[in-house]
N, C-alpha and C. Protein backbone atom coordinates (compact mmCIF):
# COMPACT_ATOMS: atom_id res chain seq x y z
N MET A 1 15.12 0.93 -16.44
CA MET A 1 15.51 0.89 -15.05
C MET A 1 14.30 1.01 -14.13
N LYS A 2 13.34 1.87 -14.50
CA LYS A 2 12.14 2.03 -13.67
C LYS A 2 11.36 0.73 -13.57
N LYS A 3 11.27 0.00 -14.68
CA LYS A 3 10.54 -1.27 -14.67
C LYS A 3 11.21 -2.27 -13.74
N VAL A 4 12.53 -2.27 -13.74
CA VAL A 4 13.27 -3.17 -12.85
C VAL A 4 12.95 -2.83 -11.40
N LEU A 5 12.94 -1.55 -11.08
CA LEU A 5 12.63 -1.13 -9.71
C LEU A 5 11.20 -1.49 -9.32
N ILE A 6 10.28 -1.34 -10.24
CA ILE A 6 8.88 -1.69 -9.97
C ILE A 6 8.75 -3.18 -9.69
N VAL A 7 9.34 -3.98 -10.54
CA VAL A 7 9.27 -5.44 -10.36
C VAL A 7 9.95 -5.84 -9.06
N PHE A 8 11.13 -5.28 -8.78
CA PHE A 8 11.83 -5.59 -7.54
C PHE A 8 10.98 -5.22 -6.34
N SER A 9 10.37 -4.04 -6.35
CA SER A 9 9.52 -3.61 -5.24
C SER A 9 8.35 -4.56 -5.05
N ALA A 10 7.73 -4.96 -6.14
CA ALA A 10 6.59 -5.87 -6.06
C ALA A 10 7.01 -7.21 -5.46
N VAL A 11 8.15 -7.73 -5.88
CA VAL A 11 8.64 -9.00 -5.34
C VAL A 11 8.92 -8.87 -3.86
N MET A 12 9.56 -7.78 -3.46
CA MET A 12 9.85 -7.57 -2.04
C MET A 12 8.58 -7.45 -1.22
N LEU A 13 7.61 -6.73 -1.74
CA LEU A 13 6.35 -6.57 -1.01
C LEU A 13 5.63 -7.91 -0.88
N LEU A 14 5.56 -8.65 -1.96
CA LEU A 14 4.86 -9.93 -1.93
C LEU A 14 5.56 -10.93 -1.03
N SER A 15 6.88 -10.87 -0.96
CA SER A 15 7.62 -11.82 -0.13
C SER A 15 7.44 -11.53 1.36
N SER A 16 6.98 -10.35 1.69
CA SER A 16 6.86 -9.97 3.10
C SER A 16 5.47 -10.21 3.68
N PHE A 17 4.53 -10.72 2.91
CA PHE A 17 3.16 -10.89 3.41
C PHE A 17 3.08 -11.74 4.66
N GLY A 18 3.85 -12.80 4.75
CA GLY A 18 3.78 -13.69 5.90
C GLY A 18 4.08 -13.00 7.20
N VAL A 19 5.02 -12.07 7.21
CA VAL A 19 5.39 -11.35 8.41
C VAL A 19 4.23 -10.51 8.91
N ALA A 20 3.59 -9.78 8.02
CA ALA A 20 2.51 -8.89 8.43
C ALA A 20 1.29 -9.67 8.91
N PHE A 21 1.00 -10.79 8.29
CA PHE A 21 -0.18 -11.54 8.67
C PHE A 21 -0.02 -12.23 10.01
N ALA A 22 1.23 -12.43 10.44
CA ALA A 22 1.45 -13.14 11.70
C ALA A 22 0.86 -12.37 12.88
N ASP A 23 0.98 -11.05 12.90
CA ASP A 23 0.46 -10.31 14.05
C ASP A 23 -0.67 -9.35 13.69
N GLY A 24 -0.91 -9.10 12.42
CA GLY A 24 -2.02 -8.27 12.00
C GLY A 24 -1.90 -6.81 12.41
N ASP A 25 -0.80 -6.42 12.95
CA ASP A 25 -0.60 -5.06 13.43
C ASP A 25 -0.57 -4.08 12.27
N ALA A 26 -1.31 -2.99 12.37
CA ALA A 26 -1.40 -2.01 11.28
C ALA A 26 -0.06 -1.36 10.98
N ALA A 27 0.71 -1.05 12.01
CA ALA A 27 2.02 -0.45 11.78
C ALA A 27 2.93 -1.41 11.03
N ASN A 28 2.84 -2.68 11.37
CA ASN A 28 3.64 -3.69 10.68
C ASN A 28 3.16 -3.87 9.24
N LEU A 29 1.85 -3.83 9.04
CA LEU A 29 1.31 -3.90 7.69
C LEU A 29 1.86 -2.75 6.85
N PHE A 30 1.85 -1.56 7.41
CA PHE A 30 2.36 -0.39 6.68
C PHE A 30 3.85 -0.56 6.39
N LYS A 31 4.59 -0.95 7.39
CA LYS A 31 6.04 -1.09 7.24
C LYS A 31 6.39 -2.12 6.17
N THR A 32 5.70 -3.23 6.16
CA THR A 32 6.06 -4.30 5.22
C THR A 32 5.45 -4.14 3.84
N HIS A 33 4.34 -3.42 3.72
CA HIS A 33 3.66 -3.34 2.43
C HIS A 33 3.68 -1.96 1.78
N CYS A 34 3.90 -0.93 2.56
CA CYS A 34 3.75 0.43 2.02
C CYS A 34 5.03 1.26 2.08
N GLN A 35 5.76 1.09 3.15
CA GLN A 35 6.90 1.95 3.42
C GLN A 35 7.95 1.95 2.31
N GLY A 36 8.17 0.83 1.67
CA GLY A 36 9.18 0.75 0.63
C GLY A 36 8.97 1.76 -0.50
N CYS A 37 7.74 1.98 -0.89
CA CYS A 37 7.43 2.93 -1.97
C CYS A 37 7.01 4.30 -1.43
N HIS A 38 6.26 4.31 -0.33
CA HIS A 38 5.64 5.54 0.15
C HIS A 38 6.43 6.24 1.27
N GLY A 39 7.49 5.60 1.77
CA GLY A 39 8.30 6.19 2.83
C GLY A 39 7.74 5.92 4.21
N ALA A 40 8.60 6.03 5.21
CA ALA A 40 8.20 5.73 6.59
C ALA A 40 7.09 6.63 7.10
N ASP A 41 7.05 7.88 6.59
CA ASP A 41 6.01 8.80 7.04
C ASP A 41 4.88 8.96 6.03
N GLY A 42 4.90 8.16 4.96
CA GLY A 42 3.85 8.24 3.94
C GLY A 42 3.97 9.44 3.03
N GLY A 43 5.03 10.20 3.16
CA GLY A 43 5.18 11.44 2.41
C GLY A 43 5.89 11.31 1.08
N ARG A 44 6.46 10.15 0.80
CA ARG A 44 7.18 9.97 -0.46
C ARG A 44 6.20 9.82 -1.61
N VAL A 45 6.54 10.42 -2.74
CA VAL A 45 5.75 10.29 -3.96
C VAL A 45 6.44 9.20 -4.80
N PRO A 46 5.82 8.01 -4.89
CA PRO A 46 6.49 6.89 -5.55
C PRO A 46 6.64 7.05 -7.06
N ALA A 47 5.82 7.87 -7.68
CA ALA A 47 5.89 8.09 -9.12
C ALA A 47 5.15 9.38 -9.45
N SER A 48 5.50 9.95 -10.56
CA SER A 48 4.85 11.17 -11.01
C SER A 48 3.35 10.96 -11.13
N GLY A 49 2.59 11.90 -10.62
CA GLY A 49 1.14 11.83 -10.73
C GLY A 49 0.46 11.09 -9.60
N ILE A 50 1.24 10.54 -8.67
CA ILE A 50 0.66 9.82 -7.54
C ILE A 50 0.85 10.68 -6.29
N GLU A 51 -0.25 10.96 -5.59
CA GLU A 51 -0.14 11.79 -4.40
C GLU A 51 0.36 10.97 -3.22
N PRO A 52 1.05 11.61 -2.28
CA PRO A 52 1.53 10.88 -1.11
C PRO A 52 0.37 10.41 -0.24
N ILE A 53 0.62 9.39 0.53
CA ILE A 53 -0.37 8.89 1.49
C ILE A 53 -0.58 9.91 2.61
N LYS A 54 0.51 10.50 3.05
CA LYS A 54 0.48 11.44 4.17
C LYS A 54 -0.54 12.55 3.92
N GLY A 55 -1.38 12.79 4.91
CA GLY A 55 -2.36 13.85 4.83
C GLY A 55 -3.72 13.43 4.28
N GLN A 56 -3.85 12.19 3.86
CA GLN A 56 -5.14 11.73 3.34
C GLN A 56 -5.97 11.15 4.50
N SER A 57 -7.27 11.25 4.36
CA SER A 57 -8.16 10.71 5.39
C SER A 57 -8.24 9.19 5.30
N ALA A 58 -8.64 8.58 6.39
CA ALA A 58 -8.81 7.13 6.42
C ALA A 58 -9.85 6.69 5.40
N ALA A 59 -10.92 7.46 5.27
CA ALA A 59 -11.99 7.12 4.31
C ALA A 59 -11.48 7.15 2.88
N ASP A 60 -10.70 8.18 2.54
CA ASP A 60 -10.14 8.27 1.19
C ASP A 60 -9.16 7.14 0.91
N LEU A 61 -8.30 6.86 1.88
CA LEU A 61 -7.33 5.79 1.70
C LEU A 61 -8.01 4.44 1.55
N LEU A 62 -9.02 4.19 2.37
CA LEU A 62 -9.74 2.93 2.30
C LEU A 62 -10.43 2.78 0.95
N LYS A 63 -11.05 3.84 0.47
CA LYS A 63 -11.72 3.80 -0.83
C LYS A 63 -10.72 3.44 -1.93
N LYS A 64 -9.54 4.04 -1.88
CA LYS A 64 -8.52 3.76 -2.88
C LYS A 64 -8.00 2.33 -2.77
N LEU A 65 -7.74 1.87 -1.54
CA LEU A 65 -7.27 0.51 -1.35
C LEU A 65 -8.29 -0.51 -1.85
N GLU A 66 -9.55 -0.27 -1.52
CA GLU A 66 -10.61 -1.17 -2.00
C GLU A 66 -10.71 -1.12 -3.52
N GLY A 67 -10.52 0.06 -4.10
CA GLY A 67 -10.55 0.20 -5.55
C GLY A 67 -9.41 -0.55 -6.22
N TYR A 68 -8.22 -0.49 -5.62
CA TYR A 68 -7.11 -1.28 -6.16
C TYR A 68 -7.43 -2.77 -6.07
N LYS A 69 -8.04 -3.17 -4.96
CA LYS A 69 -8.34 -4.59 -4.74
C LYS A 69 -9.36 -5.11 -5.75
N ASP A 70 -10.38 -4.30 -6.05
CA ASP A 70 -11.40 -4.76 -7.00
C ASP A 70 -11.12 -4.32 -8.44
N GLY A 71 -10.03 -3.60 -8.65
CA GLY A 71 -9.62 -3.22 -10.00
C GLY A 71 -10.29 -1.97 -10.55
N SER A 72 -11.02 -1.25 -9.70
CA SER A 72 -11.75 -0.08 -10.19
C SER A 72 -11.00 1.24 -10.01
N PHE A 73 -9.81 1.19 -9.42
CA PHE A 73 -9.06 2.43 -9.15
C PHE A 73 -7.62 2.28 -9.59
N GLY A 74 -7.06 3.37 -10.07
CA GLY A 74 -5.63 3.46 -10.29
C GLY A 74 -5.17 3.10 -11.68
N ALA A 75 -4.62 4.07 -12.35
CA ALA A 75 -4.03 3.82 -13.66
C ALA A 75 -2.54 3.55 -13.51
N GLN A 76 -1.86 4.36 -12.69
CA GLN A 76 -0.44 4.18 -12.47
C GLN A 76 -0.22 3.23 -11.30
N ARG A 77 0.80 2.42 -11.44
CA ARG A 77 1.19 1.47 -10.40
C ARG A 77 0.07 0.49 -10.05
N LYS A 78 -0.88 0.35 -10.93
CA LYS A 78 -2.04 -0.49 -10.64
C LYS A 78 -1.64 -1.94 -10.34
N LEU A 79 -0.76 -2.50 -11.14
CA LEU A 79 -0.37 -3.90 -10.93
C LEU A 79 0.33 -4.07 -9.58
N VAL A 80 1.23 -3.18 -9.25
CA VAL A 80 1.94 -3.27 -7.97
C VAL A 80 0.93 -3.19 -6.82
N MET A 81 0.07 -2.20 -6.86
CA MET A 81 -0.90 -2.01 -5.78
C MET A 81 -1.90 -3.16 -5.71
N GLU A 82 -2.37 -3.63 -6.85
CA GLU A 82 -3.31 -4.75 -6.83
C GLU A 82 -2.66 -5.98 -6.20
N ASN A 83 -1.40 -6.23 -6.51
CA ASN A 83 -0.71 -7.37 -5.93
C ASN A 83 -0.53 -7.23 -4.43
N VAL A 84 -0.38 -6.02 -3.96
CA VAL A 84 -0.23 -5.80 -2.52
C VAL A 84 -1.57 -6.00 -1.82
N VAL A 85 -2.62 -5.34 -2.28
CA VAL A 85 -3.87 -5.35 -1.53
C VAL A 85 -4.72 -6.60 -1.72
N LYS A 86 -4.52 -7.32 -2.80
CA LYS A 86 -5.38 -8.50 -3.01
C LYS A 86 -5.14 -9.58 -1.96
N GLN A 87 -4.00 -9.52 -1.29
CA GLN A 87 -3.70 -10.50 -0.25
C GLN A 87 -4.21 -10.08 1.13
N LEU A 88 -4.72 -8.87 1.23
CA LEU A 88 -5.17 -8.34 2.52
C LEU A 88 -6.68 -8.48 2.67
N SER A 89 -7.10 -8.79 3.88
CA SER A 89 -8.53 -8.88 4.17
C SER A 89 -9.13 -7.48 4.23
N ASP A 90 -10.44 -7.42 4.20
CA ASP A 90 -11.12 -6.13 4.33
C ASP A 90 -10.79 -5.47 5.67
N GLU A 91 -10.70 -6.27 6.72
CA GLU A 91 -10.35 -5.74 8.03
C GLU A 91 -8.93 -5.18 8.03
N GLN A 92 -8.01 -5.86 7.38
CA GLN A 92 -6.63 -5.37 7.30
C GLN A 92 -6.55 -4.09 6.48
N LEU A 93 -7.33 -3.99 5.41
CA LEU A 93 -7.35 -2.76 4.62
C LEU A 93 -7.84 -1.59 5.45
N LYS A 94 -8.89 -1.81 6.22
CA LYS A 94 -9.42 -0.74 7.08
C LYS A 94 -8.39 -0.35 8.13
N SER A 95 -7.78 -1.32 8.75
CA SER A 95 -6.77 -1.06 9.76
C SER A 95 -5.59 -0.29 9.17
N LEU A 96 -5.18 -0.68 7.98
CA LEU A 96 -4.08 -0.01 7.29
C LEU A 96 -4.44 1.43 6.93
N ALA A 97 -5.64 1.63 6.43
CA ALA A 97 -6.09 2.98 6.09
C ALA A 97 -6.17 3.86 7.32
N ASP A 98 -6.70 3.31 8.42
CA ASP A 98 -6.78 4.07 9.67
C ASP A 98 -5.39 4.47 10.15
N TYR A 99 -4.45 3.53 10.11
CA TYR A 99 -3.09 3.82 10.55
C TYR A 99 -2.44 4.85 9.65
N ALA A 100 -2.51 4.64 8.35
CA ALA A 100 -1.83 5.53 7.39
C ALA A 100 -2.38 6.95 7.46
N SER A 101 -3.63 7.10 7.82
CA SER A 101 -4.21 8.45 7.91
C SER A 101 -3.65 9.24 9.07
N THR A 102 -2.97 8.58 9.98
CA THR A 102 -2.38 9.27 11.13
C THR A 102 -0.95 9.74 10.86
N LEU A 103 -0.41 9.41 9.72
CA LEU A 103 0.98 9.78 9.40
C LEU A 103 1.12 11.24 9.08
């Protein structure tokens, strides 16, 4: 059942990329790419061993997002996260990290 949820989440996230890219807004990027797993306030723990986004600094979040993008970070949920961030530009990753750090 968990695998089904992971695949479903990945499909939903990937299908929403066009909406976020249309306006580039960080809040919209978070809503369409992150909120489903991490919650509206970033406080949800999507899986055991994964810390919530909420409360992390922009620098830490950006480092992790860049690591998912280049494949150097993340053992759990790596495929889901790589699929999300590989479609985002470096500027969008920074904007997303800055926004998420305010949650």
